[in-house]
Amino acid sequence: MESCRALVLSLCVLSVSLALSAGRDVPVKRYVASLTAGRDVPVKRYVASLGAGRDVPVKRYVVNLAAGRDVPVKRYVVNLDAAPEEHFLPVCQDPDIQALIPILRKDVVDMITSRVPVEVLPLLEVLTADLDQYLPQPFAGEMRGIANCTGIPLGQIVGLNLVYDLTAFCTSIVAQDDKGIILHGRNLDYGFADFLRNITVMVDFQTKGQTLYTSTSYLGYVGALTGQRPNKFTVSVDERNQGAWWMNALEALLNRKASLMSFLVRETLAEADSYDAAIQKLAYTPLIAPVYFIVGGANVAEGAVITRNRESALDIWTLNPAQGRYVISNLQADL
């Protein structure tokens, strides 16, 4: 009992309440237990007063939950006017990224085999033997360029992209505030967060020197699960868990009958010049697997959750402020 009480105390969160009425603002302190060895690390948050008094700036301190160092997320430019094999060279040639490539080489096989059934691996070899036959450009060329730059075998780069695509357990939300501004948020619930934390990048995809769209991505990944086209729309992808469908998904790729969802997101970001055009493309382009697309626009009431099967949309659920629907969310389950 004493050991249990000690454990509970070591994990407890201590806080000082904020004065919500008149008087000074009180900083709220939180102490978060380190999940690795070592002492507890204090996390301080200063909360703005909800009543009278000045606003207090918010400070955040991130606790390193992994064994390695934390690396700030960097921003890169992909020049879409260059050859596909050169698109991601600015990312993988960065000295900071080069320092992380040995970690990626070490972990990528374990990550793929932990997520992909063994019987699927021979199909990956078929894909990589003639990549241009099965994957469209620029994606096939981009994967080859990343493989050449990192020294990671092409088959592993293809497998890594499929793992990202087909295990995206996530939650997204789109909402409209009282000023008519659209807000779009998401998280990524990957089971290999420690692996991804230091290889996350922001990428501006440019043509003729102008940013066409932006995506949050990872070293070695050419698709897009989160992106925005400036002043047009935002999009995020959540997995729609419909059971074990790896074989059917890869067979669809091999037969060139459908697209990876992350490829479709990039194509939509590149080609759709409006919120409505993005909804149409995401809702009715054939896919290799069921999925949710969450889309936010730049105008009042532009927000939607698209529930997809492999052929087309099953449902498009939209914001409707006139009926009091200011928030819609996806939690990886059909409602």
C-alpha atoms as a PDB file:
ATOM      1  CA  MET A   1       0.000   0.000   0.000  1.00  0.00           C
ATOM      2  CA  GLU A   2       2.797   2.411   0.916  1.00  0.00           C
ATOM      3  CA  SER A   3       4.542   1.740  -2.404  1.00  0.00           C
ATOM      4  CA  CYS A   4       1.286   2.395  -4.285  1.00  0.00           C
ATOM      5  CA  ARG A   5       0.754   5.633  -2.348  1.00  0.00           C
ATOM      6  CA  ALA A   6       4.308   6.714  -3.159  1.00  0.00           C
ATOM      7  CA  LEU A   7       3.742   5.990  -6.853  1.00  0.00           C
ATOM      8  CA  VAL A   8       0.533   8.012  -6.898  1.00  0.00           C
ATOM      9  CA  LEU A   9       2.236  10.905  -5.154  1.00  0.00           C
ATOM     10  CA  SER A  10       5.138  10.813  -7.595  1.00  0.00           C
ATOM     11  CA  LEU A  11       2.721  11.158 -10.517  1.00  0.00           C
ATOM     12  CA  CYS A  12       0.405  13.747  -9.048  1.00  0.00           C
ATOM     13  CA  VAL A  13      -0.202  17.171 -10.538  1.00  0.00           C
ATOM     14  CA  LEU A  14       0.009  20.129  -8.151  1.00  0.00           C
ATOM     15  CA  SER A  15      -1.861  23.269  -9.103  1.00  0.00           C
ATOM     16  CA  VAL A  16      -2.722  26.662  -7.703  1.00  0.00           C
ATOM     17  CA  SER A  17      -6.172  27.872  -8.738  1.00  0.00           C
ATOM     18  CA  LEU A  18      -6.615  30.951 -10.896  1.00  0.00           C
ATOM     19  CA  ALA A  19      -8.554  33.832  -9.384  1.00  0.00           C
ATOM     20  CA  LEU A  20     -11.480  34.300 -11.745  1.00  0.00           C
ATOM     21  CA  SER A  21     -12.827  37.430 -10.117  1.00  0.00           C
ATOM     22  CA  ALA A  22     -11.157  40.680  -9.186  1.00  0.00           C
ATOM     23  CA  GLY A  23      -7.565  40.627  -8.033  1.00  0.00           C
ATOM     24  CA  ARG A  24      -4.256  39.595  -9.415  1.00  0.00           C
ATOM     25  CA  ASP A  25      -3.708  36.729 -11.835  1.00  0.00           C
ATOM     26  CA  VAL A  26      -2.260  33.642 -10.231  1.00  0.00           C
ATOM     27  CA  PRO A  27       0.181  31.496 -12.230  1.00  0.00           C
ATOM     28  CA  VAL A  28      -0.873  27.858 -12.468  1.00  0.00           C
ATOM     29  CA  LYS A  29       2.007  25.440 -11.907  1.00  0.00           C
ATOM     30  CA  ARG A  30       1.876  21.869 -13.056  1.00  0.00           C
ATOM     31  CA  TYR A  31       4.458  19.234 -12.260  1.00  0.00           C
ATOM     32  CA  VAL A  32       4.522  16.389 -14.756  1.00  0.00           C
ATOM     33  CA  ALA A  33       6.226  13.142 -13.851  1.00  0.00           C
ATOM     34  CA  SER A  34       9.081  12.139 -16.126  1.00  0.00           C
ATOM     35  CA  LEU A  35       8.156   8.927 -17.947  1.00  0.00           C
ATOM     36  CA  THR A  36      11.806   7.977 -18.227  1.00  0.00           C
ATOM     37  CA  ALA A  37      14.412   7.812 -15.521  1.00  0.00           C
ATOM     38  CA  GLY A  38      15.288  10.989 -13.675  1.00  0.00           C
ATOM     39  CA  ARG A  39      13.608  13.728 -11.703  1.00  0.00           C
ATOM     40  CA  ASP A  40      10.183  15.213 -12.278  1.00  0.00           C
ATOM     41  CA  VAL A  41      10.219  18.174 -14.660  1.00  0.00           C
ATOM     42  CA  PRO A  42       8.063  21.234 -13.830  1.00  0.00           C
ATOM     43  CA  VAL A  43       5.772  22.513 -16.567  1.00  0.00           C
ATOM     44  CA  LYS A  44       4.665  26.103 -16.007  1.00  0.00           C
ATOM     45  CA  ARG A  45       1.581  27.609 -17.622  1.00  0.00           C
ATOM     46  CA  TYR A  46       0.453  31.200 -17.061  1.00  0.00           C
ATOM     47  CA  VAL A  47      -3.251  31.544 -17.755  1.00  0.00           C
ATOM     48  CA  ALA A  48      -4.984  34.771 -18.794  1.00  0.00           C
ATOM     49  CA  SER A  49      -7.387  36.226 -16.244  1.00  0.00           C
ATOM     50  CA  LEU A  50     -11.040  35.596 -17.087  1.00  0.00           C
ATOM     51  CA  GLY A  51     -12.075  38.604 -15.032  1.00  0.00           C
ATOM     52  CA  ALA A  52     -10.511  41.955 -14.298  1.00  0.00           C
ATOM     53  CA  GLY A  53      -6.793  42.489 -14.521  1.00  0.00           C
ATOM     54  CA  ARG A  54      -4.038  42.097 -17.051  1.00  0.00           C
ATOM     55  CA  ASP A  55      -3.581  39.115 -19.351  1.00  0.00           C
ATOM     56  CA  VAL A  56      -0.689  36.863 -18.490  1.00  0.00           C
ATOM     57  CA  PRO A  57       1.361  35.373 -21.349  1.00  0.00           C
ATOM     58  CA  VAL A  58       1.273  31.610 -21.795  1.00  0.00           C
ATOM     59  CA  LYS A  59       4.584  29.787 -21.438  1.00  0.00           C
ATOM     60  CA  ARG A  60       5.092  26.135 -22.330  1.00  0.00           C
ATOM     61  CA  TYR A  61       7.968  23.838 -21.466  1.00  0.00           C
ATOM     62  CA  VAL A  62       8.155  20.547 -23.328  1.00  0.00           C
ATOM     63  CA  VAL A  63       9.287  17.471 -21.441  1.00  0.00           C
ATOM     64  CA  ASN A  64      11.509  15.108 -23.392  1.00  0.00           C
ATOM     65  CA  LEU A  65       9.753  11.723 -23.104  1.00  0.00           C
ATOM     66  CA  ALA A  66      12.240   9.901 -25.316  1.00  0.00           C
ATOM     67  CA  ALA A  67      15.839   9.014 -24.721  1.00  0.00           C
ATOM     68  CA  GLY A  68      17.247  11.216 -27.507  1.00  0.00           C
ATOM     69  CA  ARG A  69      17.329  14.945 -28.043  1.00  0.00           C
ATOM     70  CA  ASP A  70      14.365  17.042 -29.153  1.00  0.00           C
ATOM     71  CA  VAL A  71      14.817  18.784 -32.495  1.00  0.00           C
ATOM     72  CA  PRO A  72      12.824  21.913 -33.428  1.00  0.00           C
ATOM     73  CA  VAL A  73      10.522  21.393 -36.414  1.00  0.00           C
ATOM     74  CA  LYS A  74      12.186  22.960 -39.447  1.00  0.00           C
ATOM     75  CA  ARG A  75      10.591  24.351 -42.608  1.00  0.00           C
ATOM     76  CA  TYR A  76      11.746  23.442 -46.109  1.00  0.00           C
ATOM     77  CA  VAL A  77      10.871  24.356 -49.683  1.00  0.00           C
ATOM     78  CA  VAL A  78      10.085  21.685 -52.286  1.00  0.00           C
ATOM     79  CA  ASN A  79      10.517  23.081 -55.800  1.00  0.00           C
ATOM     80  CA  LEU A  80       7.801  21.408 -57.876  1.00  0.00           C
ATOM     81  CA  ASP A  81       9.428  22.752 -61.046  1.00  0.00           C
ATOM     82  CA  ALA A  82      12.463  20.486 -60.493  1.00  0.00           C
ATOM     83  CA  ALA A  83      12.637  16.785 -61.375  1.00  0.00           C
ATOM     84  CA  PRO A  84      10.707  14.607 -58.889  1.00  0.00           C
ATOM     85  CA  GLU A  85      13.923  12.902 -57.762  1.00  0.00           C
ATOM     86  CA  GLU A  86      15.163  16.323 -56.589  1.00  0.00           C
ATOM     87  CA  HIS A  87      12.026  17.471 -54.754  1.00  0.00           C
ATOM     88  CA  PHE A  88      13.046  16.376 -51.253  1.00  0.00           C
ATOM     89  CA  LEU A  89      16.800  16.943 -51.531  1.00  0.00           C
ATOM     90  CA  PRO A  90      16.576  20.181 -49.446  1.00  0.00           C
ATOM     91  CA  VAL A  91      15.149  18.050 -46.616  1.00  0.00           C
ATOM     92  CA  CYS A  92      17.414  15.007 -46.661  1.00  0.00           C
ATOM     93  CA  GLN A  93      20.599  16.995 -47.414  1.00  0.00           C
ATOM     94  CA  ASP A  94      20.130  19.287 -44.409  1.00  0.00           C
ATOM     95  CA  PRO A  95      22.921  18.545 -41.892  1.00  0.00           C
ATOM     96  CA  ASP A  96      20.405  18.304 -39.038  1.00  0.00           C
ATOM     97  CA  ILE A  97      18.389  15.731 -40.978  1.00  0.00           C
ATOM     98  CA  GLN A  98      21.544  13.891 -42.062  1.00  0.00           C
ATOM     99  CA  ALA A  99      22.337  13.405 -38.380  1.00  0.00           C
ATOM    100  CA  LEU A 100      18.971  11.658 -37.932  1.00  0.00           C
ATOM    101  CA  ILE A 101      19.183   9.352 -40.977  1.00  0.00           C
ATOM    102  CA  PRO A 102      21.094   6.625 -39.063  1.00  0.00           C
ATOM    103  CA  ILE A 103      18.198   6.527 -36.585  1.00  0.00           C
ATOM    104  CA  LEU A 104      15.741   6.157 -39.456  1.00  0.00           C
ATOM    105  CA  ARG A 105      17.830   3.404 -41.059  1.00  0.00           C
ATOM    106  CA  LYS A 106      17.984   1.558 -37.754  1.00  0.00           C
ATOM    107  CA  ASP A 107      14.278   1.716 -36.935  1.00  0.00           C
ATOM    108  CA  VAL A 108      12.506   1.664 -40.298  1.00  0.00           C
ATOM    109  CA  VAL A 109      12.538  -2.121 -40.770  1.00  0.00           C
ATOM    110  CA  ASP A 110      11.217  -2.792 -37.276  1.00  0.00           C
ATOM    111  CA  MET A 111       8.512  -0.183 -37.747  1.00  0.00           C
ATOM    112  CA  ILE A 112       7.367  -1.636 -41.079  1.00  0.00           C
ATOM    113  CA  THR A 113       7.338  -5.234 -39.873  1.00  0.00           C
ATOM    114  CA  SER A 114       5.489  -4.241 -36.709  1.00  0.00           C
ATOM    115  CA  ARG A 115       2.632  -2.790 -38.793  1.00  0.00           C
ATOM    116  CA  VAL A 116       2.603  -4.726 -42.075  1.00  0.00           C
ATOM    117  CA  PRO A 117       1.546  -8.388 -42.188  1.00  0.00           C
ATOM    118  CA  VAL A 118       4.347 -10.688 -43.310  1.00  0.00           C
ATOM    119  CA  GLU A 119       2.335 -11.891 -46.306  1.00  0.00           C
ATOM    120  CA  VAL A 120       2.272  -8.326 -47.673  1.00  0.00           C
ATOM    121  CA  LEU A 121       6.069  -7.968 -47.916  1.00  0.00           C
ATOM    122  CA  PRO A 122       6.403  -9.853 -51.242  1.00  0.00           C
ATOM    123  CA  LEU A 123       3.904  -7.407 -52.775  1.00  0.00           C
ATOM    124  CA  LEU A 124       6.151  -4.536 -51.736  1.00  0.00           C
ATOM    125  CA  GLU A 125       8.961  -6.159 -53.703  1.00  0.00           C
ATOM    126  CA  VAL A 126       6.688  -6.307 -56.757  1.00  0.00           C
ATOM    127  CA  LEU A 127       5.927  -2.603 -56.349  1.00  0.00           C
ATOM    128  CA  THR A 128       9.548  -1.534 -56.122  1.00  0.00           C
ATOM    129  CA  ALA A 129      10.662  -3.703 -59.037  1.00  0.00           C
ATOM    130  CA  ASP A 130       8.783  -1.402 -61.429  1.00  0.00           C
ATOM    131  CA  LEU A 131       7.667   1.546 -59.332  1.00  0.00           C
ATOM    132  CA  ASP A 132       6.634   3.778 -62.236  1.00  0.00           C
ATOM    133  CA  GLN A 133       4.157   1.162 -63.400  1.00  0.00           C
ATOM    134  CA  TYR A 134       2.279   1.170 -60.094  1.00  0.00           C
ATOM    135  CA  LEU A 135       2.744   4.634 -58.580  1.00  0.00           C
ATOM    136  CA  PRO A 136       2.097   7.921 -60.400  1.00  0.00           C
ATOM    137  CA  GLN A 137       4.533  10.776 -60.727  1.00  0.00           C
ATOM    138  CA  PRO A 138       5.814  12.713 -58.936  1.00  0.00           C
ATOM    139  CA  PHE A 139       5.524  10.180 -56.091  1.00  0.00           C
ATOM    140  CA  ALA A 140       7.549   7.346 -57.630  1.00  0.00           C
ATOM    141  CA  GLY A 141      10.392   9.700 -58.537  1.00  0.00           C
ATOM    142  CA  GLU A 142      10.294  11.363 -55.122  1.00  0.00           C
ATOM    143  CA  MET A 143      10.628   8.006 -53.353  1.00  0.00           C
ATOM    144  CA  ARG A 144      13.583   7.090 -55.557  1.00  0.00           C
ATOM    145  CA  GLY A 145      15.236  10.423 -54.782  1.00  0.00           C
ATOM    146  CA  ILE A 146      14.771   9.931 -51.028  1.00  0.00           C
ATOM    147  CA  ALA A 147      16.165   6.393 -51.239  1.00  0.00           C
ATOM    148  CA  ASN A 148      19.234   7.636 -53.117  1.00  0.00           C
ATOM    149  CA  CYS A 149      19.786  10.535 -50.709  1.00  0.00           C
ATOM    150  CA  THR A 150      19.361   8.577 -47.478  1.00  0.00           C
ATOM    151  CA  GLY A 151      20.868   5.256 -48.547  1.00  0.00           C
ATOM    152  CA  ILE A 152      17.708   3.481 -47.381  1.00  0.00           C
ATOM    153  CA  PRO A 153      16.550   0.732 -49.811  1.00  0.00           C
ATOM    154  CA  LEU A 154      13.695   1.803 -52.071  1.00  0.00           C
ATOM    155  CA  GLY A 155      11.494  -1.047 -50.843  1.00  0.00           C
ATOM    156  CA  GLN A 156      11.778   0.253 -47.293  1.00  0.00           C
ATOM    157  CA  ILE A 157      10.910   3.795 -48.375  1.00  0.00           C
ATOM    158  CA  VAL A 158       7.798   2.459 -50.146  1.00  0.00           C
ATOM    159  CA  GLY A 159       6.895   0.401 -47.073  1.00  0.00           C
ATOM    160  CA  LEU A 160       7.391   3.413 -44.818  1.00  0.00           C
ATOM    161  CA  ASN A 161       4.987   5.468 -46.933  1.00  0.00           C
ATOM    162  CA  LEU A 162       2.371   2.710 -46.822  1.00  0.00           C
ATOM    163  CA  VAL A 163       2.684   2.429 -43.034  1.00  0.00           C
ATOM    164  CA  TYR A 164       2.150   6.172 -42.637  1.00  0.00           C
ATOM    165  CA  ASP A 165      -0.859   5.996 -44.946  1.00  0.00           C
ATOM    166  CA  LEU A 166      -2.580   2.910 -43.598  1.00  0.00           C
ATOM    167  CA  THR A 167      -2.091   3.335 -39.840  1.00  0.00           C
ATOM    168  CA  ALA A 168      -3.095   6.982 -39.408  1.00  0.00           C
ATOM    169  CA  PHE A 169      -5.144   6.687 -36.200  1.00  0.00           C
ATOM    170  CA  CYS A 170      -6.067  10.324 -35.679  1.00  0.00           C
ATOM    171  CA  THR A 171      -8.679  12.815 -34.521  1.00  0.00           C
ATOM    172  CA  SER A 172      -9.665  16.033 -36.315  1.00  0.00           C
ATOM    173  CA  ILE A 173     -12.009  18.906 -35.599  1.00  0.00           C
ATOM    174  CA  VAL A 174     -13.306  21.829 -37.662  1.00  0.00           C
ATOM    175  CA  ALA A 175     -15.258  24.680 -36.115  1.00  0.00           C
ATOM    176  CA  GLN A 176     -16.499  28.233 -36.657  1.00  0.00           C
ATOM    177  CA  ASP A 177     -16.134  30.886 -33.971  1.00  0.00           C
ATOM    178  CA  ASP A 178     -18.516  33.759 -33.225  1.00  0.00           C
ATOM    179  CA  LYS A 179     -16.693  35.973 -35.743  1.00  0.00           C
ATOM    180  CA  GLY A 180     -17.171  33.500 -38.577  1.00  0.00           C
ATOM    181  CA  ILE A 181     -13.529  32.365 -38.570  1.00  0.00           C
ATOM    182  CA  ILE A 182     -12.965  28.700 -39.453  1.00  0.00           C
ATOM    183  CA  LEU A 183     -10.681  26.724 -37.116  1.00  0.00           C
ATOM    184  CA  HIS A 184      -9.219  23.345 -38.079  1.00  0.00           C
ATOM    185  CA  GLY A 185      -7.245  21.185 -35.652  1.00  0.00           C
ATOM    186  CA  ARG A 186      -5.922  17.639 -35.604  1.00  0.00           C
ATOM    187  CA  ASN A 187      -3.691  15.208 -33.770  1.00  0.00           C
ATOM    188  CA  LEU A 188      -1.778  12.138 -34.944  1.00  0.00           C
ATOM    189  CA  ASP A 189      -2.129   9.035 -32.787  1.00  0.00           C
ATOM    190  CA  TYR A 190       0.651   6.957 -34.295  1.00  0.00           C
ATOM    191  CA  GLY A 191       1.954   4.191 -32.080  1.00  0.00           C
ATOM    192  CA  PHE A 192       5.538   5.138 -32.971  1.00  0.00           C
ATOM    193  CA  ALA A 193       5.571   8.736 -31.721  1.00  0.00           C
ATOM    194  CA  ASP A 194       9.113   8.493 -30.324  1.00  0.00           C
ATOM    195  CA  PHE A 195      10.290   7.536 -33.800  1.00  0.00           C
ATOM    196  CA  LEU A 196       8.502  10.457 -35.487  1.00  0.00           C
ATOM    197  CA  ARG A 197       9.131  13.233 -32.970  1.00  0.00           C
ATOM    198  CA  ASN A 198      12.522  14.216 -34.387  1.00  0.00           C
ATOM    199  CA  ILE A 199      11.878  13.594 -38.095  1.00  0.00           C
ATOM    200  CA  THR A 200       8.813  15.856 -38.400  1.00  0.00           C
ATOM    201  CA  VAL A 201       9.154  18.685 -40.952  1.00  0.00           C
ATOM    202  CA  MET A 202       7.091  21.496 -42.454  1.00  0.00           C
ATOM    203  CA  VAL A 203       7.191  21.635 -46.255  1.00  0.00           C
ATOM    204  CA  ASP A 204       6.194  24.495 -48.559  1.00  0.00           C
ATOM    205  CA  PHE A 205       5.520  23.111 -52.040  1.00  0.00           C
ATOM    206  CA  GLN A 206       6.359  25.881 -54.491  1.00  0.00           C
ATOM    207  CA  THR A 207       6.097  26.533 -58.205  1.00  0.00           C
ATOM    208  CA  LYS A 208       7.634  29.559 -59.916  1.00  0.00           C
ATOM    209  CA  GLY A 209       8.848  30.725 -56.520  1.00  0.00           C
ATOM    210  CA  GLN A 210       5.341  30.883 -54.971  1.00  0.00           C
ATOM    211  CA  THR A 211       3.964  28.553 -52.302  1.00  0.00           C
ATOM    212  CA  LEU A 212       1.120  26.517 -53.778  1.00  0.00           C
ATOM    213  CA  TYR A 213       0.416  24.531 -50.607  1.00  0.00           C
ATOM    214  CA  THR A 214       2.006  23.556 -47.283  1.00  0.00           C
ATOM    215  CA  SER A 215       2.089  20.225 -45.477  1.00  0.00           C
ATOM    216  CA  THR A 216       3.309  18.787 -42.184  1.00  0.00           C
ATOM    217  CA  SER A 217       5.353  15.717 -43.086  1.00  0.00           C
ATOM    218  CA  TYR A 218       8.128  13.320 -42.039  1.00  0.00           C
ATOM    219  CA  LEU A 219      11.530  12.379 -43.358  1.00  0.00           C
ATOM    220  CA  GLY A 220      11.020   9.755 -46.058  1.00  0.00           C
ATOM    221  CA  TYR A 221       7.320  10.484 -46.590  1.00  0.00           C
ATOM    222  CA  VAL A 222       6.015  11.922 -49.880  1.00  0.00           C
ATOM    223  CA  GLY A 223       2.277  11.972 -49.155  1.00  0.00           C
ATOM    224  CA  ALA A 224       0.272  14.521 -47.172  1.00  0.00           C
ATOM    225  CA  LEU A 225      -1.983  13.772 -44.198  1.00  0.00           C
ATOM    226  CA  THR A 226      -2.275  17.430 -43.142  1.00  0.00           C
ATOM    227  CA  GLY A 227      -2.100  20.424 -45.451  1.00  0.00           C
ATOM    228  CA  GLN A 228      -3.388  23.814 -46.463  1.00  0.00           C
ATOM    229  CA  ARG A 229      -3.760  25.749 -49.669  1.00  0.00           C
ATOM    230  CA  PRO A 230      -3.315  29.406 -48.634  1.00  0.00           C
ATOM    231  CA  ASN A 231      -6.612  31.334 -48.388  1.00  0.00           C
ATOM    232  CA  LYS A 232      -8.518  28.421 -49.968  1.00  0.00           C
ATOM    233  CA  PHE A 233      -8.887  25.365 -47.726  1.00  0.00           C
ATOM    234  CA  THR A 234      -7.272  23.036 -45.187  1.00  0.00           C
ATOM    235  CA  VAL A 235      -7.444  19.242 -45.100  1.00  0.00           C
ATOM    236  CA  SER A 236      -6.555  16.450 -42.691  1.00  0.00           C
ATOM    237  CA  VAL A 237      -6.894  12.672 -42.934  1.00  0.00           C
ATOM    238  CA  ASP A 238      -8.090  10.220 -40.287  1.00  0.00           C
ATOM    239  CA  GLU A 239      -8.093   6.463 -40.656  1.00  0.00           C
ATOM    240  CA  ARG A 240     -11.497   4.786 -40.906  1.00  0.00           C
ATOM    241  CA  ASN A 241     -10.881   1.428 -39.304  1.00  0.00           C
ATOM    242  CA  GLN A 242     -12.644  -1.194 -41.392  1.00  0.00           C
ATOM    243  CA  GLY A 243     -10.655  -4.234 -40.336  1.00  0.00           C
ATOM    244  CA  ALA A 244      -7.761  -6.036 -42.048  1.00  0.00           C
ATOM    245  CA  TRP A 245      -7.666  -4.879 -45.651  1.00  0.00           C
ATOM    246  CA  TRP A 246      -3.932  -4.727 -46.383  1.00  0.00           C
ATOM    247  CA  MET A 247      -4.111  -7.316 -49.153  1.00  0.00           C
ATOM    248  CA  ASN A 248      -7.033  -5.667 -50.932  1.00  0.00           C
ATOM    249  CA  ALA A 249      -5.395  -2.254 -50.593  1.00  0.00           C
ATOM    250  CA  LEU A 250      -2.123  -3.390 -52.124  1.00  0.00           C
ATOM    251  CA  GLU A 251      -3.900  -5.341 -54.830  1.00  0.00           C
ATOM    252  CA  ALA A 252      -5.742  -2.135 -55.756  1.00  0.00           C
ATOM    253  CA  LEU A 253      -2.376  -0.377 -56.022  1.00  0.00           C
ATOM    254  CA  LEU A 254      -0.894  -3.159 -58.121  1.00  0.00           C
ATOM    255  CA  ASN A 255      -3.889  -3.039 -60.467  1.00  0.00           C
ATOM    256  CA  ARG A 256      -3.758   0.793 -60.567  1.00  0.00           C
ATOM    257  CA  LYS A 257      -7.454   0.997 -59.742  1.00  0.00           C
ATOM    258  CA  ALA A 258      -7.205   3.517 -56.929  1.00  0.00           C
ATOM    259  CA  SER A 259      -5.019   6.059 -55.125  1.00  0.00           C
ATOM    260  CA  LEU A 260      -3.312   6.230 -51.763  1.00  0.00           C
ATOM    261  CA  MET A 261      -5.225   8.704 -49.615  1.00  0.00           C
ATOM    262  CA  SER A 262      -2.133  10.840 -48.978  1.00  0.00           C
ATOM    263  CA  PHE A 263      -1.459  11.072 -52.730  1.00  0.00           C
ATOM    264  CA  LEU A 264      -5.028  12.245 -53.251  1.00  0.00           C
ATOM    265  CA  VAL A 265      -4.574  14.919 -50.574  1.00  0.00           C
ATOM    266  CA  ARG A 266      -1.470  16.265 -52.300  1.00  0.00           C
ATOM    267  CA  GLU A 267      -3.192  16.207 -55.685  1.00  0.00           C
ATOM    268  CA  THR A 268      -6.167  18.045 -54.201  1.00  0.00           C
ATOM    269  CA  LEU A 269      -3.926  20.669 -52.590  1.00  0.00           C
ATOM    270  CA  ALA A 270      -2.176  21.166 -55.928  1.00  0.00           C
ATOM    271  CA  GLU A 271      -5.206  21.179 -58.224  1.00  0.00           C
ATOM    272  CA  ALA A 272      -8.323  22.327 -56.346  1.00  0.00           C
ATOM    273  CA  ASP A 273      -8.593  26.118 -56.335  1.00  0.00           C
ATOM    274  CA  SER A 274     -11.556  26.346 -53.940  1.00  0.00           C
ATOM    275  CA  TYR A 275     -13.152  24.672 -50.931  1.00  0.00           C
ATOM    276  CA  ASP A 276     -15.982  23.257 -53.079  1.00  0.00           C
ATOM    277  CA  ALA A 277     -13.544  21.839 -55.630  1.00  0.00           C
ATOM    278  CA  ALA A 278     -11.580  20.182 -52.823  1.00  0.00           C
ATOM    279  CA  ILE A 279     -14.748  18.582 -51.408  1.00  0.00           C
ATOM    280  CA  GLN A 280     -15.675  17.145 -54.807  1.00  0.00           C
ATOM    281  CA  LYS A 281     -12.233  15.688 -55.476  1.00  0.00           C
ATOM    282  CA  LEU A 282     -11.819  14.188 -52.014  1.00  0.00           C
ATOM    283  CA  ALA A 283     -15.355  12.784 -51.973  1.00  0.00           C
ATOM    284  CA  TYR A 284     -15.455  11.002 -55.318  1.00  0.00           C
ATOM    285  CA  THR A 285     -11.942   9.888 -56.327  1.00  0.00           C
ATOM    286  CA  PRO A 286     -11.467   6.076 -55.873  1.00  0.00           C
ATOM    287  CA  LEU A 287      -9.175   5.128 -52.965  1.00  0.00           C
ATOM    288  CA  ILE A 288      -7.380   1.979 -51.863  1.00  0.00           C
ATOM    289  CA  ALA A 289      -9.027   2.055 -48.420  1.00  0.00           C
ATOM    290  CA  PRO A 290     -11.824   3.690 -46.380  1.00  0.00           C
ATOM    291  CA  VAL A 291     -10.918   7.007 -44.764  1.00  0.00           C
ATOM    292  CA  TYR A 292     -12.208  10.253 -43.272  1.00  0.00           C
ATOM    293  CA  PHE A 293     -11.284  13.576 -44.872  1.00  0.00           C
ATOM    294  CA  ILE A 294     -11.799  16.697 -42.755  1.00  0.00           C
ATOM    295  CA  VAL A 295     -11.874  19.947 -44.727  1.00  0.00           C
ATOM    296  CA  GLY A 296     -11.989  23.569 -43.620  1.00  0.00           C
ATOM    297  CA  GLY A 297     -12.533  26.589 -45.866  1.00  0.00           C
ATOM    298  CA  ALA A 298     -11.858  30.309 -45.747  1.00  0.00           C
ATOM    299  CA  ASN A 299     -15.492  31.440 -45.559  1.00  0.00           C
ATOM    300  CA  VAL A 300     -18.414  31.156 -43.145  1.00  0.00           C
ATOM    301  CA  ALA A 301     -19.843  27.611 -42.754  1.00  0.00           C
ATOM    302  CA  GLU A 302     -17.074  26.019 -44.836  1.00  0.00           C
ATOM    303  CA  GLY A 303     -16.230  22.887 -42.875  1.00  0.00           C
ATOM    304  CA  ALA A 304     -16.942  19.218 -43.545  1.00  0.00           C
ATOM    305  CA  VAL A 305     -16.210  15.643 -42.476  1.00  0.00           C
ATOM    306  CA  ILE A 306     -16.257  13.316 -45.501  1.00  0.00           C
ATOM    307  CA  THR A 307     -16.833   9.644 -44.667  1.00  0.00           C
ATOM    308  CA  ARG A 308     -15.320   7.618 -47.518  1.00  0.00           C
ATOM    309  CA  ASN A 309     -15.426   4.056 -48.690  1.00  0.00           C
ATOM    310  CA  ARG A 310     -13.113   2.965 -51.476  1.00  0.00           C
ATOM    311  CA  GLU A 311     -15.445   4.120 -54.258  1.00  0.00           C
ATOM    312  CA  SER A 312     -17.004   7.393 -53.074  1.00  0.00           C
ATOM    313  CA  ALA A 313     -18.401   9.364 -50.141  1.00  0.00           C
ATOM    314  CA  LEU A 314     -20.903   7.662 -47.854  1.00  0.00           C
ATOM    315  CA  ASP A 315     -21.670  10.917 -46.068  1.00  0.00           C
ATOM    316  CA  ILE A 316     -20.615  14.568 -46.050  1.00  0.00           C
ATOM    317  CA  TRP A 317     -21.330  16.202 -42.696  1.00  0.00           C
ATOM    318  CA  THR A 318     -20.987  19.986 -42.780  1.00  0.00           C
ATOM    319  CA  LEU A 319     -20.950  22.979 -40.471  1.00  0.00           C
ATOM    320  CA  ASN A 320     -24.362  24.627 -40.232  1.00  0.00           C
ATOM    321  CA  PRO A 321     -24.276  27.684 -37.949  1.00  0.00           C
ATOM    322  CA  ALA A 322     -27.909  28.522 -38.848  1.00  0.00           C
ATOM    323  CA  GLN A 323     -28.924  25.302 -37.073  1.00  0.00           C
ATOM    324  CA  GLY A 324     -26.423  25.731 -34.241  1.00  0.00           C
ATOM    325  CA  ARG A 325     -23.807  23.340 -35.656  1.00  0.00           C
ATOM    326  CA  TYR A 326     -20.617  25.295 -35.033  1.00  0.00           C
ATOM    327  CA  VAL A 327     -18.327  22.318 -34.406  1.00  0.00           C
ATOM    328  CA  ILE A 328     -17.909  18.975 -36.164  1.00  0.00           C
ATOM    329  CA  SER A 329     -15.330  16.353 -35.270  1.00  0.00           C
ATOM    330  CA  ASN A 330     -14.115  12.954 -36.327  1.00  0.00           C
ATOM    331  CA  LEU A 331     -13.054  10.378 -33.732  1.00  0.00           C
ATOM    332  CA  GLN A 332     -12.130   7.490 -36.082  1.00  0.00           C
ATOM    333  CA  ALA A 333     -15.639   6.061 -35.903  1.00  0.00           C
ATOM    334  CA  ASP A 334     -18.821   6.375 -37.951  1.00  0.00           C
ATOM    335  CA  LEU A 335     -21.522   8.265 -36.067  1.00  0.00           C
END
